[in-house]
Amino acid sequence: MRLLTFIVICFVVILSGCQSNASTVLNTSKLEKVNAEGNATEEQLKHLPISYKAPSLEEGLDALPFEIELPKKLPSELGTFLPPSIDDFEHDGKKIRVSFLAFSKNPQDEILLMVTAHNFEVEFEGIDEKVEIQDGVTGYYSGNTLDFVKDEIYYSISYNKHMDKEEHRTILIGLAKQML
């Protein structure tokens, strides 16, 4: 009976260990590796992130070692988010950058919304203004970009539609609130 109890406990510990590992590294099983272009040597490639394309938005979200809540209500001129591109900086699935793009519904317009997230610290550059987003989350607004940190994930939302600064900032803050 003790042996059976010991085996069951070991099995549970092993399963819980596998589950926790799956949530801390990128799951590449459904991702397509993007080969680096150019004449980079093997040694140079070791210093570049490994890039992946996800076959769908949902599979890209599921592959990540962290949770992201993308904004659901986008500006009316935009389509939905495309499957993300994912970069593995250390080649071990732990330091990840993911980028989601939504383009204008009208192909003649060059309007783009991009949401980028890093699960490692990044420097926010060119900060024009510190803004309160919601619930103590502070954002940093500059030009057409709003940067913020939530649960140790570094987010950047960029929207390139030409409009006045106040309207632009309001839209970006509204998008960020949907992600909190």
N, C-alpha and C. Protein backbone atom coordinates (compact mmCIF):
# COMPACT_ATOMS: atom_id res chain seq x y z
N MET A 1 0.82 -1.19 0.00
CA MET A 1 0.00 0.00 0.00
C MET A 1 0.87 1.26 0.00
N ARG A 2 1.96 1.23 0.78
CA ARG A 2 2.87 2.38 0.81
C ARG A 2 3.50 2.60 -0.56
N LEU A 3 3.85 1.52 -1.23
CA LEU A 3 4.45 1.62 -2.55
C LEU A 3 3.47 2.28 -3.52
N LEU A 4 2.22 1.86 -3.48
CA LEU A 4 1.20 2.44 -4.35
C LEU A 4 1.03 3.94 -4.06
N THR A 5 0.97 4.31 -2.79
CA THR A 5 0.86 5.72 -2.41
C THR A 5 2.06 6.50 -2.90
N PHE A 6 3.25 5.94 -2.75
CA PHE A 6 4.47 6.59 -3.20
C PHE A 6 4.44 6.81 -4.71
N ILE A 7 4.01 5.81 -5.46
CA ILE A 7 3.95 5.91 -6.92
C ILE A 7 2.95 7.00 -7.33
N VAL A 8 1.80 7.05 -6.68
CA VAL A 8 0.79 8.06 -7.00
C VAL A 8 1.33 9.46 -6.72
N ILE A 9 2.00 9.63 -5.58
CA ILE A 9 2.56 10.93 -5.23
C ILE A 9 3.62 11.35 -6.25
N CYS A 10 4.50 10.42 -6.62
CA CYS A 10 5.53 10.73 -7.62
C CYS A 10 4.90 11.13 -8.95
N PHE A 11 3.86 10.42 -9.35
CA PHE A 11 3.18 10.71 -10.60
C PHE A 11 2.58 12.12 -10.58
N VAL A 12 1.93 12.47 -9.47
CA VAL A 12 1.32 13.80 -9.34
C VAL A 12 2.39 14.89 -9.38
N VAL A 13 3.51 14.67 -8.69
CA VAL A 13 4.60 15.64 -8.68
C VAL A 13 5.17 15.83 -10.08
N ILE A 14 5.37 14.74 -10.80
CA ILE A 14 5.90 14.82 -12.16
C ILE A 14 4.93 15.57 -13.06
N LEU A 15 3.65 15.27 -12.97
CA LEU A 15 2.66 15.96 -13.80
C LEU A 15 2.59 17.44 -13.47
N SER A 16 2.62 17.79 -12.21
CA SER A 16 2.56 19.21 -11.86
C SER A 16 3.82 19.93 -12.31
N GLY A 17 4.95 19.27 -12.27
CA GLY A 17 6.20 19.85 -12.77
C GLY A 17 6.13 20.11 -14.25
N CYS A 18 5.56 19.19 -15.00
CA CYS A 18 5.42 19.37 -16.45
C CYS A 18 4.48 20.53 -16.75
N GLN A 19 3.40 20.64 -15.99
CA GLN A 19 2.46 21.71 -16.24
C GLN A 19 3.08 23.07 -15.95
N SER A 20 3.83 23.19 -14.86
CA SER A 20 4.41 24.48 -14.55
C SER A 20 5.48 24.86 -15.55
N ASN A 21 6.22 23.90 -16.08
CA ASN A 21 7.24 24.19 -17.09
C ASN A 21 6.60 24.67 -18.38
N ALA A 22 5.47 24.07 -18.74
CA ALA A 22 4.79 24.45 -19.97
C ALA A 22 4.34 25.91 -19.93
N SER A 23 4.06 26.41 -18.75
CA SER A 23 3.58 27.78 -18.66
C SER A 23 4.71 28.80 -18.57
N THR A 24 5.95 28.37 -18.47
CA THR A 24 7.05 29.32 -18.33
C THR A 24 7.93 29.41 -19.58
N VAL A 25 7.69 28.58 -20.57
CA VAL A 25 8.47 28.64 -21.81
C VAL A 25 7.53 28.64 -23.02
N LEU A 26 8.03 29.18 -24.11
CA LEU A 26 7.28 29.23 -25.35
C LEU A 26 7.04 27.82 -25.87
N ASN A 27 5.80 27.53 -26.24
CA ASN A 27 5.45 26.24 -26.83
C ASN A 27 5.51 26.39 -28.35
N THR A 28 6.54 25.83 -28.97
CA THR A 28 6.75 26.01 -30.41
C THR A 28 6.13 24.89 -31.25
N SER A 29 5.40 23.98 -30.63
CA SER A 29 4.90 22.81 -31.35
C SER A 29 4.00 23.16 -32.53
N LYS A 30 3.28 24.27 -32.46
CA LYS A 30 2.38 24.65 -33.56
C LYS A 30 2.86 25.89 -34.30
N LEU A 31 4.06 26.35 -33.98
CA LEU A 31 4.60 27.54 -34.62
C LEU A 31 5.52 27.17 -35.77
N GLU A 32 5.60 28.05 -36.75
CA GLU A 32 6.50 27.84 -37.89
C GLU A 32 7.73 28.73 -37.71
N LYS A 33 8.89 28.10 -37.71
CA LYS A 33 10.14 28.85 -37.56
C LYS A 33 10.39 29.64 -38.85
N VAL A 34 10.77 30.90 -38.68
CA VAL A 34 11.08 31.77 -39.82
C VAL A 34 12.59 31.79 -39.95
N ASN A 35 13.09 31.36 -41.10
CA ASN A 35 14.54 31.34 -41.31
C ASN A 35 15.06 32.75 -41.54
N ALA A 36 16.19 33.04 -40.92
CA ALA A 36 16.83 34.35 -41.09
C ALA A 36 17.28 34.50 -42.53
N GLU A 37 17.07 35.69 -43.07
CA GLU A 37 17.49 35.95 -44.44
C GLU A 37 18.83 36.65 -44.44
N GLY A 38 19.54 36.53 -45.52
CA GLY A 38 20.83 37.19 -45.64
C GLY A 38 21.97 36.20 -45.53
N ASN A 39 23.15 36.74 -45.31
CA ASN A 39 24.37 35.92 -45.29
C ASN A 39 24.93 35.74 -43.89
N ALA A 40 24.08 35.68 -42.89
CA ALA A 40 24.55 35.54 -41.51
C ALA A 40 25.21 34.18 -41.31
N THR A 41 26.31 34.19 -40.57
CA THR A 41 27.00 32.94 -40.25
C THR A 41 26.28 32.26 -39.09
N GLU A 42 26.61 31.00 -38.86
CA GLU A 42 26.04 30.26 -37.73
C GLU A 42 26.32 30.99 -36.42
N GLU A 43 27.52 31.51 -36.29
CA GLU A 43 27.89 32.23 -35.06
C GLU A 43 27.05 33.50 -34.90
N GLN A 44 26.82 34.22 -35.99
CA GLN A 44 26.00 35.43 -35.93
C GLN A 44 24.55 35.09 -35.59
N LEU A 45 24.05 33.99 -36.14
CA LEU A 45 22.67 33.59 -35.89
C LEU A 45 22.43 33.27 -34.42
N LYS A 46 23.47 32.83 -33.71
CA LYS A 46 23.33 32.53 -32.28
C LYS A 46 22.98 33.78 -31.48
N HIS A 47 23.29 34.95 -32.02
CA HIS A 47 23.05 36.21 -31.32
C HIS A 47 21.76 36.90 -31.76
N LEU A 48 21.06 36.30 -32.71
CA LEU A 48 19.78 36.84 -33.17
C LEU A 48 18.64 36.04 -32.57
N PRO A 49 17.51 36.67 -32.32
CA PRO A 49 16.36 35.90 -31.83
C PRO A 49 15.90 34.89 -32.87
N ILE A 50 15.33 33.79 -32.41
CA ILE A 50 14.66 32.86 -33.31
C ILE A 50 13.25 33.40 -33.51
N SER A 51 12.84 33.55 -34.77
CA SER A 51 11.53 34.10 -35.08
C SER A 51 10.57 33.00 -35.50
N TYR A 52 9.32 33.16 -35.08
CA TYR A 52 8.27 32.19 -35.39
C TYR A 52 7.04 32.93 -35.90
N LYS A 53 6.28 32.24 -36.76
CA LYS A 53 4.96 32.70 -37.18
C LYS A 53 3.95 31.73 -36.61
N ALA A 54 2.86 32.26 -36.11
CA ALA A 54 1.77 31.42 -35.61
C ALA A 54 0.77 31.20 -36.74
N PRO A 55 0.19 29.99 -36.83
CA PRO A 55 -0.79 29.74 -37.89
C PRO A 55 -2.12 30.47 -37.68
N SER A 56 -2.42 30.83 -36.43
CA SER A 56 -3.65 31.56 -36.15
C SER A 56 -3.42 32.44 -34.92
N LEU A 57 -4.30 33.38 -34.73
CA LEU A 57 -4.21 34.25 -33.57
C LEU A 57 -4.29 33.43 -32.28
N GLU A 58 -5.26 32.53 -32.22
CA GLU A 58 -5.48 31.73 -31.01
C GLU A 58 -4.28 30.83 -30.71
N GLU A 59 -3.73 30.19 -31.72
CA GLU A 59 -2.57 29.31 -31.48
C GLU A 59 -1.34 30.12 -31.07
N GLY A 60 -1.22 31.34 -31.58
CA GLY A 60 -0.14 32.21 -31.15
C GLY A 60 -0.27 32.59 -29.68
N LEU A 61 -1.48 32.95 -29.27
CA LEU A 61 -1.73 33.28 -27.87
C LEU A 61 -1.47 32.08 -26.97
N ASP A 62 -1.93 30.91 -27.40
CA ASP A 62 -1.75 29.69 -26.60
C ASP A 62 -0.28 29.30 -26.45
N ALA A 63 0.55 29.64 -27.42
CA ALA A 63 1.97 29.25 -27.39
C ALA A 63 2.79 30.06 -26.39
N LEU A 64 2.29 31.22 -26.02
CA LEU A 64 3.07 32.14 -25.17
C LEU A 64 3.22 31.63 -23.74
N PRO A 65 4.35 31.94 -23.11
CA PRO A 65 4.54 31.55 -21.71
C PRO A 65 3.94 32.56 -20.73
N PHE A 66 3.12 33.47 -21.23
CA PHE A 66 2.43 34.45 -20.40
C PHE A 66 1.10 34.77 -21.06
N GLU A 67 0.18 35.30 -20.27
CA GLU A 67 -1.16 35.63 -20.76
C GLU A 67 -1.18 37.05 -21.31
N ILE A 68 -1.89 37.22 -22.41
CA ILE A 68 -2.13 38.56 -22.97
C ILE A 68 -3.61 38.68 -23.26
N GLU A 69 -4.18 39.79 -22.85
CA GLU A 69 -5.55 40.12 -23.18
C GLU A 69 -5.49 41.21 -24.24
N LEU A 70 -5.73 40.84 -25.49
CA LEU A 70 -5.71 41.83 -26.57
C LEU A 70 -6.99 42.66 -26.54
N PRO A 71 -6.91 43.92 -26.98
CA PRO A 71 -8.13 44.72 -27.05
C PRO A 71 -9.11 44.09 -28.04
N LYS A 72 -10.37 44.04 -27.66
CA LYS A 72 -11.39 43.45 -28.53
C LYS A 72 -12.07 44.53 -29.39
N LYS A 73 -12.25 45.72 -28.81
CA LYS A 73 -12.90 46.81 -29.53
C LYS A 73 -11.82 47.71 -30.12
N LEU A 74 -11.58 47.53 -31.41
CA LEU A 74 -10.56 48.31 -32.12
C LEU A 74 -11.22 49.49 -32.83
N PRO A 75 -10.44 50.51 -33.19
CA PRO A 75 -11.00 51.60 -33.99
C PRO A 75 -11.71 51.03 -35.23
N SER A 76 -12.83 51.64 -35.60
CA SER A 76 -13.72 51.07 -36.62
C SER A 76 -13.07 50.86 -37.98
N GLU A 77 -12.04 51.63 -38.31
CA GLU A 77 -11.42 51.47 -39.63
C GLU A 77 -10.46 50.28 -39.72
N LEU A 78 -10.23 49.61 -38.58
CA LEU A 78 -9.28 48.49 -38.56
C LEU A 78 -9.97 47.15 -38.66
N GLY A 79 -9.28 46.19 -39.28
CA GLY A 79 -9.72 44.81 -39.27
C GLY A 79 -9.30 44.16 -37.96
N THR A 80 -9.35 42.84 -37.91
CA THR A 80 -8.98 42.12 -36.70
C THR A 80 -7.47 41.88 -36.67
N PHE A 81 -6.98 41.46 -35.51
CA PHE A 81 -5.56 41.15 -35.39
C PHE A 81 -5.19 39.93 -36.23
N LEU A 82 -4.04 40.00 -36.86
CA LEU A 82 -3.48 38.88 -37.61
C LEU A 82 -2.77 37.94 -36.65
N PRO A 83 -2.44 36.71 -37.08
CA PRO A 83 -1.63 35.84 -36.23
C PRO A 83 -0.31 36.54 -35.89
N PRO A 84 0.18 36.34 -34.69
CA PRO A 84 1.36 37.09 -34.24
C PRO A 84 2.67 36.57 -34.79
N SER A 85 3.66 37.44 -34.74
CA SER A 85 5.05 37.01 -34.93
C SER A 85 5.66 36.97 -33.53
N ILE A 86 6.49 35.97 -33.29
CA ILE A 86 7.05 35.73 -31.96
C ILE A 86 8.55 35.57 -32.09
N ASP A 87 9.30 36.25 -31.23
CA ASP A 87 10.76 36.17 -31.22
C ASP A 87 11.24 35.61 -29.89
N ASP A 88 12.12 34.61 -29.98
CA ASP A 88 12.73 33.98 -28.80
C ASP A 88 14.17 34.48 -28.72
N PHE A 89 14.45 35.37 -27.79
CA PHE A 89 15.74 36.06 -27.73
C PHE A 89 16.89 35.20 -27.24
N GLU A 90 16.63 34.26 -26.36
CA GLU A 90 17.71 33.44 -25.79
C GLU A 90 17.73 32.02 -26.34
N HIS A 91 16.84 31.72 -27.29
CA HIS A 91 16.75 30.40 -27.92
C HIS A 91 16.35 29.31 -26.94
N ASP A 92 15.72 29.71 -25.82
CA ASP A 92 15.29 28.72 -24.83
C ASP A 92 13.81 28.86 -24.48
N GLY A 93 13.10 29.72 -25.19
CA GLY A 93 11.67 29.90 -24.97
C GLY A 93 11.29 30.74 -23.77
N LYS A 94 12.27 31.42 -23.17
CA LYS A 94 11.98 32.16 -21.94
C LYS A 94 11.89 33.67 -22.13
N LYS A 95 12.76 34.27 -22.93
CA LYS A 95 12.72 35.72 -23.18
C LYS A 95 12.03 35.95 -24.52
N ILE A 96 10.76 36.36 -24.45
CA ILE A 96 9.90 36.38 -25.63
C ILE A 96 9.40 37.80 -25.93
N ARG A 97 9.38 38.13 -27.21
CA ARG A 97 8.68 39.32 -27.70
C ARG A 97 7.62 38.82 -28.69
N VAL A 98 6.42 39.33 -28.56
CA VAL A 98 5.35 38.97 -29.48
C VAL A 98 4.73 40.25 -30.03
N SER A 99 4.40 40.23 -31.33
CA SER A 99 3.81 41.40 -31.98
C SER A 99 2.54 41.00 -32.70
N PHE A 100 1.49 41.79 -32.46
CA PHE A 100 0.19 41.59 -33.10
C PHE A 100 -0.11 42.82 -33.95
N LEU A 101 -0.56 42.59 -35.18
CA LEU A 101 -0.87 43.69 -36.11
C LEU A 101 -2.32 43.64 -36.54
N ALA A 102 -2.92 44.81 -36.67
CA ALA A 102 -4.24 44.96 -37.29
C ALA A 102 -4.11 46.08 -38.31
N PHE A 103 -4.53 45.81 -39.53
CA PHE A 103 -4.42 46.78 -40.62
C PHE A 103 -5.78 47.39 -40.94
N SER A 104 -5.74 48.49 -41.67
CA SER A 104 -6.96 49.15 -42.12
C SER A 104 -7.78 48.19 -42.98
N LYS A 105 -9.11 48.29 -42.85
CA LYS A 105 -10.00 47.50 -43.71
C LYS A 105 -9.89 47.95 -45.16
N ASN A 106 -9.56 49.21 -45.36
CA ASN A 106 -9.39 49.77 -46.70
C ASN A 106 -7.92 49.65 -47.09
N PRO A 107 -7.61 48.81 -48.09
CA PRO A 107 -6.21 48.61 -48.47
C PRO A 107 -5.50 49.87 -48.96
N GLN A 108 -6.27 50.90 -49.35
CA GLN A 108 -5.67 52.15 -49.80
C GLN A 108 -5.09 52.96 -48.63
N ASP A 109 -5.64 52.73 -47.44
CA ASP A 109 -5.15 53.43 -46.25
C ASP A 109 -3.95 52.68 -45.69
N GLU A 110 -3.02 53.41 -45.16
CA GLU A 110 -1.84 52.78 -44.55
C GLU A 110 -1.93 52.87 -43.03
N ILE A 111 -3.11 52.57 -42.51
CA ILE A 111 -3.33 52.64 -41.07
C ILE A 111 -3.00 51.29 -40.45
N LEU A 112 -2.29 51.35 -39.33
CA LEU A 112 -1.79 50.14 -38.67
C LEU A 112 -1.88 50.31 -37.16
N LEU A 113 -2.31 49.24 -36.50
CA LEU A 113 -2.26 49.16 -35.04
C LEU A 113 -1.35 47.99 -34.71
N MET A 114 -0.37 48.22 -33.84
CA MET A 114 0.54 47.15 -33.43
C MET A 114 0.59 47.09 -31.91
N VAL A 115 0.40 45.89 -31.38
CA VAL A 115 0.56 45.64 -29.95
C VAL A 115 1.76 44.71 -29.80
N THR A 116 2.74 45.15 -29.03
CA THR A 116 3.94 44.35 -28.78
C THR A 116 4.05 44.10 -27.29
N ALA A 117 4.46 42.89 -26.93
CA ALA A 117 4.65 42.55 -25.51
C ALA A 117 5.97 41.81 -25.35
N HIS A 118 6.68 42.14 -24.28
CA HIS A 118 7.94 41.48 -23.90
C HIS A 118 7.76 40.93 -22.49
N ASN A 119 8.27 39.74 -22.23
CA ASN A 119 8.23 39.24 -20.85
C ASN A 119 9.58 39.45 -20.16
N PHE A 120 10.31 40.44 -20.62
CA PHE A 120 11.56 40.85 -19.99
C PHE A 120 11.62 42.37 -20.06
N GLU A 121 12.44 42.95 -19.20
CA GLU A 121 12.49 44.40 -19.10
C GLU A 121 13.03 45.04 -20.38
N VAL A 122 12.33 46.07 -20.83
CA VAL A 122 12.78 46.86 -21.98
C VAL A 122 12.72 48.33 -21.59
N GLU A 123 13.52 49.13 -22.24
CA GLU A 123 13.54 50.58 -22.01
C GLU A 123 12.48 51.23 -22.89
N PHE A 124 11.66 52.08 -22.30
CA PHE A 124 10.71 52.87 -23.07
C PHE A 124 11.43 54.15 -23.48
N GLU A 125 11.48 54.40 -24.78
CA GLU A 125 12.25 55.55 -25.29
C GLU A 125 11.32 56.68 -25.73
N GLY A 126 11.86 57.87 -25.70
CA GLY A 126 11.16 59.04 -26.23
C GLY A 126 9.86 59.36 -25.53
N ILE A 127 9.83 59.27 -24.22
CA ILE A 127 8.61 59.51 -23.47
C ILE A 127 8.29 61.01 -23.45
N ASP A 128 7.10 61.36 -23.96
CA ASP A 128 6.65 62.75 -23.93
C ASP A 128 5.84 63.04 -22.67
N GLU A 129 5.05 62.04 -22.25
CA GLU A 129 4.07 62.31 -21.20
C GLU A 129 3.76 61.04 -20.42
N LYS A 130 3.72 61.18 -19.11
CA LYS A 130 3.30 60.09 -18.22
C LYS A 130 1.79 60.20 -18.06
N VAL A 131 1.05 59.08 -18.27
CA VAL A 131 -0.41 59.11 -18.17
C VAL A 131 -0.89 57.99 -17.26
N GLU A 132 -1.98 58.25 -16.56
CA GLU A 132 -2.62 57.23 -15.72
C GLU A 132 -3.58 56.45 -16.62
N ILE A 133 -3.40 55.14 -16.69
CA ILE A 133 -4.29 54.33 -17.52
C ILE A 133 -5.50 53.88 -16.70
N GLN A 134 -5.22 53.12 -15.63
CA GLN A 134 -6.30 52.60 -14.79
C GLN A 134 -5.70 51.78 -13.66
N ASP A 135 -6.36 51.78 -12.51
CA ASP A 135 -5.98 50.94 -11.37
C ASP A 135 -4.50 51.02 -11.02
N GLY A 136 -3.94 52.22 -11.03
CA GLY A 136 -2.55 52.39 -10.66
C GLY A 136 -1.54 52.03 -11.74
N VAL A 137 -2.02 51.65 -12.92
CA VAL A 137 -1.10 51.34 -14.03
C VAL A 137 -0.79 52.65 -14.74
N THR A 138 0.49 52.96 -14.81
CA THR A 138 0.96 54.18 -15.46
C THR A 138 1.44 53.86 -16.87
N GLY A 139 1.10 54.73 -17.80
CA GLY A 139 1.57 54.58 -19.17
C GLY A 139 2.48 55.72 -19.55
N TYR A 140 3.20 55.52 -20.62
CA TYR A 140 4.13 56.53 -21.13
C TYR A 140 3.77 56.78 -22.59
N TYR A 141 3.25 57.98 -22.85
CA TYR A 141 2.75 58.33 -24.18
C TYR A 141 3.80 59.14 -24.93
N SER A 142 3.98 58.80 -26.20
CA SER A 142 4.90 59.55 -27.05
C SER A 142 4.44 59.40 -28.50
N GLY A 143 4.10 60.50 -29.13
CA GLY A 143 3.73 60.47 -30.55
C GLY A 143 2.53 59.59 -30.81
N ASN A 144 2.77 58.44 -31.41
CA ASN A 144 1.67 57.52 -31.71
C ASN A 144 1.77 56.22 -30.91
N THR A 145 2.48 56.26 -29.76
CA THR A 145 2.74 55.04 -29.00
C THR A 145 2.44 55.25 -27.52
N LEU A 146 1.88 54.21 -26.90
CA LEU A 146 1.67 54.17 -25.46
C LEU A 146 2.35 52.92 -24.92
N ASP A 147 3.24 53.09 -23.96
CA ASP A 147 3.95 51.98 -23.33
C ASP A 147 3.47 51.85 -21.89
N PHE A 148 3.39 50.60 -21.40
CA PHE A 148 3.04 50.38 -20.00
C PHE A 148 3.49 48.98 -19.59
N VAL A 149 3.50 48.76 -18.27
CA VAL A 149 3.90 47.47 -17.71
C VAL A 149 2.75 46.95 -16.86
N LYS A 150 2.42 45.67 -17.04
CA LYS A 150 1.42 45.01 -16.22
C LYS A 150 1.91 43.60 -15.93
N ASP A 151 1.96 43.24 -14.66
CA ASP A 151 2.38 41.89 -14.24
C ASP A 151 3.70 41.48 -14.87
N GLU A 152 4.66 42.39 -14.88
CA GLU A 152 6.01 42.17 -15.40
C GLU A 152 6.06 41.90 -16.90
N ILE A 153 5.00 42.24 -17.61
CA ILE A 153 4.98 42.18 -19.07
C ILE A 153 5.02 43.63 -19.57
N TYR A 154 5.93 43.90 -20.49
CA TYR A 154 6.14 45.25 -21.03
C TYR A 154 5.39 45.37 -22.35
N TYR A 155 4.40 46.26 -22.39
CA TYR A 155 3.54 46.43 -23.55
C TYR A 155 3.83 47.74 -24.27
N SER A 156 3.63 47.71 -25.57
CA SER A 156 3.71 48.90 -26.39
C SER A 156 2.57 48.84 -27.40
N ILE A 157 1.76 49.89 -27.45
CA ILE A 157 0.66 49.97 -28.42
C ILE A 157 0.97 51.14 -29.34
N SER A 158 1.06 50.88 -30.64
CA SER A 158 1.32 51.93 -31.62
C SER A 158 0.17 51.97 -32.62
N TYR A 159 -0.26 53.18 -32.93
CA TYR A 159 -1.38 53.40 -33.85
C TYR A 159 -1.00 54.58 -34.73
N ASN A 160 -0.84 54.34 -36.02
CA ASN A 160 -0.26 55.37 -36.88
C ASN A 160 -1.26 56.26 -37.61
N LYS A 161 -2.53 56.23 -37.23
CA LYS A 161 -3.51 57.10 -37.89
C LYS A 161 -3.21 58.55 -37.51
N HIS A 162 -3.27 59.43 -38.51
CA HIS A 162 -3.03 60.86 -38.28
C HIS A 162 -4.27 61.49 -37.66
N MET A 163 -4.09 62.10 -36.49
CA MET A 163 -5.16 62.79 -35.78
C MET A 163 -4.51 63.68 -34.74
N ASP A 164 -5.32 64.51 -34.09
CA ASP A 164 -4.72 65.39 -33.08
C ASP A 164 -4.26 64.57 -31.87
N LYS A 165 -3.31 65.14 -31.16
CA LYS A 165 -2.63 64.44 -30.06
C LYS A 165 -3.61 63.96 -28.99
N GLU A 166 -4.56 64.79 -28.62
CA GLU A 166 -5.50 64.44 -27.54
C GLU A 166 -6.36 63.23 -27.93
N GLU A 167 -6.88 63.23 -29.17
CA GLU A 167 -7.70 62.10 -29.64
C GLU A 167 -6.85 60.84 -29.71
N HIS A 168 -5.64 60.98 -30.19
CA HIS A 168 -4.73 59.84 -30.32
C HIS A 168 -4.44 59.22 -28.96
N ARG A 169 -4.11 60.06 -28.00
CA ARG A 169 -3.82 59.59 -26.64
C ARG A 169 -5.04 58.90 -26.04
N THR A 170 -6.23 59.47 -26.23
CA THR A 170 -7.47 58.90 -25.70
C THR A 170 -7.72 57.51 -26.28
N ILE A 171 -7.51 57.35 -27.58
CA ILE A 171 -7.71 56.04 -28.22
C ILE A 171 -6.72 55.02 -27.67
N LEU A 172 -5.45 55.40 -27.56
CA LEU A 172 -4.44 54.47 -27.05
C LEU A 172 -4.72 54.07 -25.60
N ILE A 173 -5.13 55.02 -24.78
CA ILE A 173 -5.46 54.69 -23.39
C ILE A 173 -6.67 53.75 -23.34
N GLY A 174 -7.66 53.99 -24.20
CA GLY A 174 -8.82 53.10 -24.27
C GLY A 174 -8.44 51.68 -24.66
N LEU A 175 -7.52 51.55 -25.60
CA LEU A 175 -7.04 50.22 -26.00
C LEU A 175 -6.29 49.55 -24.84
N ALA A 176 -5.45 50.32 -24.16
CA ALA A 176 -4.69 49.77 -23.03
C ALA A 176 -5.62 49.31 -21.91
N LYS A 177 -6.67 50.07 -21.63
CA LYS A 177 -7.62 49.69 -20.58
C LYS A 177 -8.24 48.33 -20.86
N GLN A 178 -8.48 48.03 -22.14
CA GLN A 178 -9.05 46.73 -22.49
C GLN A 178 -8.09 45.58 -22.19
N MET A 179 -6.81 45.89 -22.07
CA MET A 179 -5.80 44.86 -21.84
C MET A 179 -5.53 44.62 -20.36
N LEU A 180 -6.05 45.48 -19.50
CA LEU A 180 -5.79 45.35 -18.06
C LEU A 180 -6.78 44.43 -17.38
